Amino acid sequence: MDITTLPVISTLLDLTSRGLLALTTLLTPSTGAFAGALAIMLVTVVVRAALIPAGIAQAKADQARMRLAPRLREIQTRHRGDRERLQRETMQLYRSENVSPFASCLPILIQAPIVGLLYSVFIHASIAGHANELLSQTLLGVPLGTSLLHAVSTGTADLATWLVIGCLVLAIAAVGEITRRAFRVEPVDGMPVGVLGALQFATAVVAVFVPLAAGVYLLTTVTWTLGQRVVLRRVYG
């Protein structure tokens, strides 16, 4: 069963499609062929601006975890052989300090449905019974509905596809590396720092699988995240 045919999902897809198309039409006279990609970037900026409170909560949680890091390491050392006790003591420490270990995940969790909508909008030829006009939008000649993995697997990946999507993936990875270097990653619940550092590049891997439109969203959002963290670090230390 295709869940996009459900009334609620279908309505959301239709509203997303119409909204992006209207914004693209508005931008076309001044930005030409870049209108579709710029529309997605503007939507991303609006979404991230609305998520600033969640970003502040994330910054406060990061600050609290850094403050609790010595005590967390002590708990990890003391209960290294008892995973259940380790988790129980860790959560008890978070509760006693009134710190949510999940605050850092809020921006990602909230954005996941938005990325899902963009993904769905750009893989369907028709939405709510009408042709999907967004599929005609391109970025440097590459349709916004193109996914690098799909293009490679079907043998349709031309030079432009490799260059545009490849550069986008590399840009996302570069922002992830800058973020990793700029912000110290603390181990959480016994998870090695190396694993947490690798998670910085997970978004770049995702960009290989999703349509170019979703990749544009991901690049914009990770860049916003880096800038936001720089600003919030100045505020919260």
C-alpha atoms as a PDB file:
ATOM      1  CA  MET A   1       0.000   0.000   0.000  1.00  0.00           C
ATOM      2  CA  ASP A   2       1.283   3.444  -0.960  1.00  0.00           C
ATOM      3  CA  ILE A   3       0.791   5.621   2.136  1.00  0.00           C
ATOM      4  CA  THR A   4       0.975   8.756  -0.032  1.00  0.00           C
ATOM      5  CA  THR A   5      -2.528   7.903  -1.277  1.00  0.00           C
ATOM      6  CA  LEU A   6      -3.943   8.308   2.226  1.00  0.00           C
ATOM      7  CA  PRO A   7      -6.057  11.493   2.445  1.00  0.00           C
ATOM      8  CA  VAL A   8      -3.903  13.230   5.060  1.00  0.00           C
ATOM      9  CA  ILE A   9      -0.583  12.429   3.374  1.00  0.00           C
ATOM     10  CA  SER A  10      -1.963  13.224  -0.073  1.00  0.00           C
ATOM     11  CA  THR A  11      -3.194  16.618   1.157  1.00  0.00           C
ATOM     12  CA  LEU A  12       0.183  17.420   2.731  1.00  0.00           C
ATOM     13  CA  LEU A  13       1.983  16.484  -0.477  1.00  0.00           C
ATOM     14  CA  ASP A  14      -0.410  18.591  -2.523  1.00  0.00           C
ATOM     15  CA  LEU A  15       0.052  21.613  -0.256  1.00  0.00           C
ATOM     16  CA  THR A  16       3.847  21.184  -0.306  1.00  0.00           C
ATOM     17  CA  SER A  17       3.869  20.874  -4.092  1.00  0.00           C
ATOM     18  CA  ARG A  18       1.628  23.892  -4.632  1.00  0.00           C
ATOM     19  CA  GLY A  19       3.573  25.997  -2.147  1.00  0.00           C
ATOM     20  CA  LEU A  20       6.951  25.201  -3.717  1.00  0.00           C
ATOM     21  CA  LEU A  21       5.571  25.750  -7.204  1.00  0.00           C
ATOM     22  CA  ALA A  22       4.110  29.135  -6.250  1.00  0.00           C
ATOM     23  CA  LEU A  23       7.400  30.215  -4.685  1.00  0.00           C
ATOM     24  CA  THR A  24       9.317  28.958  -7.726  1.00  0.00           C
ATOM     25  CA  THR A  25       7.039  30.941 -10.044  1.00  0.00           C
ATOM     26  CA  LEU A  26       7.576  34.033  -7.908  1.00  0.00           C
ATOM     27  CA  LEU A  27      11.376  33.657  -8.048  1.00  0.00           C
ATOM     28  CA  THR A  28      11.675  32.730 -11.729  1.00  0.00           C
ATOM     29  CA  PRO A  29      11.694  36.275 -13.190  1.00  0.00           C
ATOM     30  CA  SER A  30      14.727  37.230 -11.097  1.00  0.00           C
ATOM     31  CA  THR A  31      16.568  33.914 -10.697  1.00  0.00           C
ATOM     32  CA  GLY A  32      15.697  31.982 -13.855  1.00  0.00           C
ATOM     33  CA  ALA A  33      16.635  28.286 -13.808  1.00  0.00           C
ATOM     34  CA  PHE A  34      17.793  28.484 -10.192  1.00  0.00           C
ATOM     35  CA  ALA A  35      14.277  29.320  -8.962  1.00  0.00           C
ATOM     36  CA  GLY A  36      13.365  25.755  -7.934  1.00  0.00           C
ATOM     37  CA  ALA A  37      16.510  25.216  -5.864  1.00  0.00           C
ATOM     38  CA  LEU A  38      16.274  28.687  -4.321  1.00  0.00           C
ATOM     39  CA  ALA A  39      12.654  28.050  -3.362  1.00  0.00           C
ATOM     40  CA  ILE A  40      13.763  24.969  -1.427  1.00  0.00           C
ATOM     41  CA  MET A  41      16.549  26.947   0.255  1.00  0.00           C
ATOM     42  CA  LEU A  42      14.101  29.673   1.308  1.00  0.00           C
ATOM     43  CA  VAL A  43      11.717  27.077   2.729  1.00  0.00           C
ATOM     44  CA  THR A  44      14.626  25.572   4.647  1.00  0.00           C
ATOM     45  CA  VAL A  45      15.568  28.956   6.100  1.00  0.00           C
ATOM     46  CA  VAL A  46      11.974  29.554   7.212  1.00  0.00           C
ATOM     47  CA  VAL A  47      11.814  26.115   8.824  1.00  0.00           C
ATOM     48  CA  ARG A  48      15.137  26.560  10.624  1.00  0.00           C
ATOM     49  CA  ALA A  49      14.159  30.038  11.810  1.00  0.00           C
ATOM     50  CA  ALA A  50      11.031  28.511  13.336  1.00  0.00           C
ATOM     51  CA  LEU A  51      13.247  25.902  15.031  1.00  0.00           C
ATOM     52  CA  ILE A  52      15.511  28.443  16.753  1.00  0.00           C
ATOM     53  CA  PRO A  53      13.936  27.643  20.174  1.00  0.00           C
ATOM     54  CA  ALA A  54      14.809  23.969  19.621  1.00  0.00           C
ATOM     55  CA  GLY A  55      18.334  25.052  18.661  1.00  0.00           C
ATOM     56  CA  ILE A  56      18.643  26.996  21.909  1.00  0.00           C
ATOM     57  CA  ALA A  57      17.483  23.922  23.838  1.00  0.00           C
ATOM     58  CA  GLN A  58      20.112  21.906  21.980  1.00  0.00           C
ATOM     59  CA  ALA A  59      22.842  24.420  22.884  1.00  0.00           C
ATOM     60  CA  LYS A  60      21.837  24.346  26.539  1.00  0.00           C
ATOM     61  CA  ALA A  61      21.825  20.544  26.496  1.00  0.00           C
ATOM     62  CA  ASP A  62      25.295  20.481  24.922  1.00  0.00           C
ATOM     63  CA  GLN A  63      26.541  22.892  27.568  1.00  0.00           C
ATOM     64  CA  ALA A  64      25.023  20.762  30.331  1.00  0.00           C
ATOM     65  CA  ARG A  65      26.574  17.572  28.938  1.00  0.00           C
ATOM     66  CA  MET A  66      29.993  19.199  28.840  1.00  0.00           C
ATOM     67  CA  ARG A  67      29.520  20.226  32.480  1.00  0.00           C
ATOM     68  CA  LEU A  68      28.478  16.672  33.379  1.00  0.00           C
ATOM     69  CA  ALA A  69      31.160  14.991  31.235  1.00  0.00           C
ATOM     70  CA  PRO A  70      33.548  14.181  34.143  1.00  0.00           C
ATOM     71  CA  ARG A  71      30.739  12.586  36.148  1.00  0.00           C
ATOM     72  CA  LEU A  72      29.499  10.686  33.087  1.00  0.00           C
ATOM     73  CA  ARG A  73      32.989   9.302  32.492  1.00  0.00           C
ATOM     74  CA  GLU A  74      33.167   8.254  36.141  1.00  0.00           C
ATOM     75  CA  ILE A  75      29.855   6.385  35.812  1.00  0.00           C
ATOM     76  CA  GLN A  76      31.008   4.758  32.577  1.00  0.00           C
ATOM     77  CA  THR A  77      34.229   3.587  34.213  1.00  0.00           C
ATOM     78  CA  ARG A  78      32.474   2.303  37.329  1.00  0.00           C
ATOM     79  CA  HIS A  79      29.742   0.366  35.500  1.00  0.00           C
ATOM     80  CA  ARG A  80      31.531  -0.536  32.283  1.00  0.00           C
ATOM     81  CA  GLY A  81      30.655  -4.203  32.640  1.00  0.00           C
ATOM     82  CA  ASP A  82      26.982  -3.673  33.499  1.00  0.00           C
ATOM     83  CA  ARG A  83      25.177  -2.038  30.576  1.00  0.00           C
ATOM     84  CA  GLU A  84      21.812  -1.899  32.350  1.00  0.00           C
ATOM     85  CA  ARG A  85      23.282  -0.281  35.468  1.00  0.00           C
ATOM     86  CA  LEU A  86      25.262   2.151  33.290  1.00  0.00           C
ATOM     87  CA  GLN A  87      22.123   3.361  31.526  1.00  0.00           C
ATOM     88  CA  ARG A  88      20.161   3.591  34.788  1.00  0.00           C
ATOM     89  CA  GLU A  89      22.859   5.628  36.550  1.00  0.00           C
ATOM     90  CA  THR A  90      23.324   7.872  33.509  1.00  0.00           C
ATOM     91  CA  MET A  91      19.614   8.658  33.265  1.00  0.00           C
ATOM     92  CA  GLN A  92      19.462   9.247  37.019  1.00  0.00           C
ATOM     93  CA  LEU A  93      22.277  11.803  36.700  1.00  0.00           C
ATOM     94  CA  TYR A  94      20.436  13.567  33.872  1.00  0.00           C
ATOM     95  CA  ARG A  95      17.244  13.681  35.936  1.00  0.00           C
ATOM     96  CA  SER A  96      18.986  14.961  39.037  1.00  0.00           C
ATOM     97  CA  GLU A  97      20.552  17.784  37.018  1.00  0.00           C
ATOM     98  CA  ASN A  98      17.294  18.486  35.138  1.00  0.00           C
ATOM     99  CA  VAL A  99      18.992  17.808  31.789  1.00  0.00           C
ATOM    100  CA  SER A 100      17.282  16.101  28.845  1.00  0.00           C
ATOM    101  CA  PRO A 101      19.654  13.752  26.966  1.00  0.00           C
ATOM    102  CA  PHE A 102      17.343  14.000  23.951  1.00  0.00           C
ATOM    103  CA  ALA A 103      17.313  17.798  23.541  1.00  0.00           C
ATOM    104  CA  SER A 104      20.110  17.636  20.960  1.00  0.00           C
ATOM    105  CA  CYS A 105      17.923  15.415  18.776  1.00  0.00           C
ATOM    106  CA  LEU A 106      14.968  17.818  18.617  1.00  0.00           C
ATOM    107  CA  PRO A 107      15.969  19.747  15.447  1.00  0.00           C
ATOM    108  CA  ILE A 108      16.684  16.501  13.579  1.00  0.00           C
ATOM    109  CA  LEU A 109      13.467  14.815  14.696  1.00  0.00           C
ATOM    110  CA  ILE A 110      11.336  17.828  13.805  1.00  0.00           C
ATOM    111  CA  GLN A 111      12.920  18.174  10.369  1.00  0.00           C
ATOM    112  CA  ALA A 112      12.612  14.491   9.449  1.00  0.00           C
ATOM    113  CA  PRO A 113       8.964  14.801   8.260  1.00  0.00           C
ATOM    114  CA  ILE A 114       9.900  17.855   6.162  1.00  0.00           C
ATOM    115  CA  VAL A 115      12.691  15.975   4.399  1.00  0.00           C
ATOM    116  CA  GLY A 116      10.225  13.116   3.909  1.00  0.00           C
ATOM    117  CA  LEU A 117       7.724  15.455   2.256  1.00  0.00           C
ATOM    118  CA  LEU A 118      10.395  16.874  -0.073  1.00  0.00           C
ATOM    119  CA  TYR A 119      11.511  13.351  -0.918  1.00  0.00           C
ATOM    120  CA  SER A 120       7.962  12.260  -1.737  1.00  0.00           C
ATOM    121  CA  VAL A 121       7.095  15.402  -3.711  1.00  0.00           C
ATOM    122  CA  PHE A 122      10.019  14.871  -6.076  1.00  0.00           C
ATOM    123  CA  ILE A 123       9.553  11.146  -6.747  1.00  0.00           C
ATOM    124  CA  HIS A 124       5.906  11.177  -7.815  1.00  0.00           C
ATOM    125  CA  ALA A 125       4.890  11.965 -11.386  1.00  0.00           C
ATOM    126  CA  SER A 126       1.446  13.008 -10.177  1.00  0.00           C
ATOM    127  CA  ILE A 127       0.198  14.384  -6.886  1.00  0.00           C
ATOM    128  CA  ALA A 128      -3.441  14.506  -5.795  1.00  0.00           C
ATOM    129  CA  GLY A 129      -4.542  13.596  -9.303  1.00  0.00           C
ATOM    130  CA  HIS A 130      -2.610  16.266 -11.215  1.00  0.00           C
ATOM    131  CA  ALA A 131       0.771  16.257 -12.956  1.00  0.00           C
ATOM    132  CA  ASN A 132       3.740  17.125 -10.758  1.00  0.00           C
ATOM    133  CA  GLU A 133       5.072  20.303 -12.373  1.00  0.00           C
ATOM    134  CA  LEU A 134       7.977  20.480  -9.913  1.00  0.00           C
ATOM    135  CA  LEU A 135       9.691  17.655 -11.773  1.00  0.00           C
ATOM    136  CA  SER A 136      10.458  20.095 -14.593  1.00  0.00           C
ATOM    137  CA  GLN A 137      12.637  22.188 -12.269  1.00  0.00           C
ATOM    138  CA  THR A 138      16.412  21.722 -12.540  1.00  0.00           C
ATOM    139  CA  LEU A 139      19.663  22.805 -10.944  1.00  0.00           C
ATOM    140  CA  LEU A 140      22.460  23.385 -13.467  1.00  0.00           C
ATOM    141  CA  GLY A 141      20.657  21.109 -15.883  1.00  0.00           C
ATOM    142  CA  VAL A 142      19.995  18.269 -13.431  1.00  0.00           C
ATOM    143  CA  PRO A 143      16.317  17.631 -12.564  1.00  0.00           C
ATOM    144  CA  LEU A 144      15.576  18.201  -8.879  1.00  0.00           C
ATOM    145  CA  GLY A 145      13.930  14.784  -8.747  1.00  0.00           C
ATOM    146  CA  THR A 146      17.186  13.012  -9.666  1.00  0.00           C
ATOM    147  CA  SER A 147      18.878  10.817  -7.074  1.00  0.00           C
ATOM    148  CA  LEU A 148      22.534   9.885  -7.606  1.00  0.00           C
ATOM    149  CA  LEU A 149      22.014   6.282  -6.531  1.00  0.00           C
ATOM    150  CA  HIS A 150      19.016   5.830  -8.834  1.00  0.00           C
ATOM    151  CA  ALA A 151      20.809   7.502 -11.746  1.00  0.00           C
ATOM    152  CA  VAL A 152      23.844   5.244 -11.318  1.00  0.00           C
ATOM    153  CA  SER A 153      21.767   2.073 -10.914  1.00  0.00           C
ATOM    154  CA  THR A 154      19.741   2.839 -14.051  1.00  0.00           C
ATOM    155  CA  GLY A 155      22.734   3.979 -16.103  1.00  0.00           C
ATOM    156  CA  THR A 156      21.362   7.510 -16.572  1.00  0.00           C
ATOM    157  CA  ALA A 157      24.045   9.309 -14.546  1.00  0.00           C
ATOM    158  CA  ASP A 158      25.669  11.741 -16.972  1.00  0.00           C
ATOM    159  CA  LEU A 159      28.543  14.124 -16.275  1.00  0.00           C
ATOM    160  CA  ALA A 160      26.242  16.900 -15.071  1.00  0.00           C
ATOM    161  CA  THR A 161      24.563  14.554 -12.595  1.00  0.00           C
ATOM    162  CA  TRP A 162      27.902  13.435 -11.165  1.00  0.00           C
ATOM    163  CA  LEU A 163      29.200  16.992 -10.914  1.00  0.00           C
ATOM    164  CA  VAL A 164      26.126  18.641  -9.401  1.00  0.00           C
ATOM    165  CA  ILE A 165      25.118  15.941  -6.921  1.00  0.00           C
ATOM    166  CA  GLY A 166      28.735  14.962  -6.244  1.00  0.00           C
ATOM    167  CA  CYS A 167      29.650  18.547  -5.370  1.00  0.00           C
ATOM    168  CA  LEU A 168      26.544  18.842  -3.183  1.00  0.00           C
ATOM    169  CA  VAL A 169      27.473  15.671  -1.263  1.00  0.00           C
ATOM    170  CA  LEU A 170      31.064  16.878  -0.844  1.00  0.00           C
ATOM    171  CA  ALA A 171      29.808  20.259   0.379  1.00  0.00           C
ATOM    172  CA  ILE A 172      27.619  18.579   2.998  1.00  0.00           C
ATOM    173  CA  ALA A 173      30.584  16.443   4.098  1.00  0.00           C
ATOM    174  CA  ALA A 174      32.805  19.542   4.264  1.00  0.00           C
ATOM    175  CA  VAL A 175      30.326  21.355   6.502  1.00  0.00           C
ATOM    176  CA  GLY A 176      30.173  18.223   8.673  1.00  0.00           C
ATOM    177  CA  GLU A 177      33.963  18.179   8.969  1.00  0.00           C
ATOM    178  CA  ILE A 178      34.080  21.870   9.885  1.00  0.00           C
ATOM    179  CA  THR A 179      31.400  21.240  12.506  1.00  0.00           C
ATOM    180  CA  ARG A 180      33.332  18.262  13.875  1.00  0.00           C
ATOM    181  CA  ARG A 181      36.526  20.282  14.174  1.00  0.00           C
ATOM    182  CA  ALA A 182      34.841  23.377  15.607  1.00  0.00           C
ATOM    183  CA  PHE A 183      32.799  21.601  18.260  1.00  0.00           C
ATOM    184  CA  ARG A 184      34.206  19.000  20.576  1.00  0.00           C
ATOM    185  CA  VAL A 185      32.211  15.768  20.603  1.00  0.00           C
ATOM    186  CA  GLU A 186      31.713  14.271  24.040  1.00  0.00           C
ATOM    187  CA  PRO A 187      31.075  10.519  24.499  1.00  0.00           C
ATOM    188  CA  VAL A 188      27.504   9.734  25.526  1.00  0.00           C
ATOM    189  CA  ASP A 189      26.349   6.605  27.363  1.00  0.00           C
ATOM    190  CA  GLY A 190      29.562   4.771  26.535  1.00  0.00           C
ATOM    191  CA  MET A 191      29.401   5.466  22.790  1.00  0.00           C
ATOM    192  CA  PRO A 192      32.942   6.017  21.430  1.00  0.00           C
ATOM    193  CA  VAL A 193      33.873   9.509  20.252  1.00  0.00           C
ATOM    194  CA  GLY A 194      34.813   8.054  16.863  1.00  0.00           C
ATOM    195  CA  VAL A 195      31.264   6.820  16.309  1.00  0.00           C
ATOM    196  CA  LEU A 196      29.796  10.186  17.263  1.00  0.00           C
ATOM    197  CA  GLY A 197      32.259  11.947  14.981  1.00  0.00           C
ATOM    198  CA  ALA A 198      31.249   9.697  12.080  1.00  0.00           C
ATOM    199  CA  LEU A 199      27.606  10.686  12.603  1.00  0.00           C
ATOM    200  CA  GLN A 200      28.567  14.196  11.440  1.00  0.00           C
ATOM    201  CA  PHE A 201      28.845  12.746   7.921  1.00  0.00           C
ATOM    202  CA  ALA A 202      25.612  10.742   7.960  1.00  0.00           C
ATOM    203  CA  THR A 203      23.775  13.572   6.208  1.00  0.00           C
ATOM    204  CA  ALA A 204      26.215  13.416   3.282  1.00  0.00           C
ATOM    205  CA  VAL A 205      25.487   9.696   2.911  1.00  0.00           C
ATOM    206  CA  VAL A 206      21.734  10.362   2.961  1.00  0.00           C
ATOM    207  CA  ALA A 207      22.178  12.918   0.153  1.00  0.00           C
ATOM    208  CA  VAL A 208      23.360  10.123  -2.153  1.00  0.00           C
ATOM    209  CA  PHE A 209      20.041   8.311  -1.820  1.00  0.00           C
ATOM    210  CA  VAL A 210      17.483  11.139  -1.870  1.00  0.00           C
ATOM    211  CA  PRO A 211      16.408  13.391  -4.776  1.00  0.00           C
ATOM    212  CA  LEU A 212      18.549  16.444  -5.509  1.00  0.00           C
ATOM    213  CA  ALA A 213      15.792  18.655  -4.052  1.00  0.00           C
ATOM    214  CA  ALA A 214      16.117  16.973  -0.654  1.00  0.00           C
ATOM    215  CA  GLY A 215      19.902  17.240  -0.962  1.00  0.00           C
ATOM    216  CA  VAL A 216      19.585  21.012  -1.410  1.00  0.00           C
ATOM    217  CA  TYR A 217      17.496  21.094   1.767  1.00  0.00           C
ATOM    218  CA  LEU A 218      20.100  19.037   3.634  1.00  0.00           C
ATOM    219  CA  LEU A 219      23.009  21.267   2.545  1.00  0.00           C
ATOM    220  CA  THR A 220      21.108  24.389   3.576  1.00  0.00           C
ATOM    221  CA  THR A 221      20.100  22.965   6.939  1.00  0.00           C
ATOM    222  CA  VAL A 222      23.579  21.699   7.933  1.00  0.00           C
ATOM    223  CA  THR A 223      25.057  25.069   6.960  1.00  0.00           C
ATOM    224  CA  TRP A 224      22.419  26.826   9.071  1.00  0.00           C
ATOM    225  CA  THR A 225      23.184  24.441  11.947  1.00  0.00           C
ATOM    226  CA  LEU A 226      26.890  25.289  11.833  1.00  0.00           C
ATOM    227  CA  GLY A 227      26.213  29.023  11.818  1.00  0.00           C
ATOM    228  CA  GLN A 228      23.634  28.721  14.571  1.00  0.00           C
ATOM    229  CA  ARG A 229      25.984  26.708  16.776  1.00  0.00           C
ATOM    230  CA  VAL A 230      28.720  29.303  16.319  1.00  0.00           C
ATOM    231  CA  VAL A 231      26.339  32.062  17.439  1.00  0.00           C
ATOM    232  CA  LEU A 232      24.899  30.066  20.339  1.00  0.00           C
ATOM    233  CA  ARG A 233      28.356  29.071  21.542  1.00  0.00           C
ATOM    234  CA  ARG A 234      29.177  32.756  21.895  1.00  0.00           C
ATOM    235  CA  VAL A 235      26.008  33.199  23.931  1.00  0.00           C
ATOM    236  CA  TYR A 236      26.111  30.060  26.073  1.00  0.00           C
ATOM    237  CA  GLY A 237      29.826  29.305  26.096  1.00  0.00           C
END
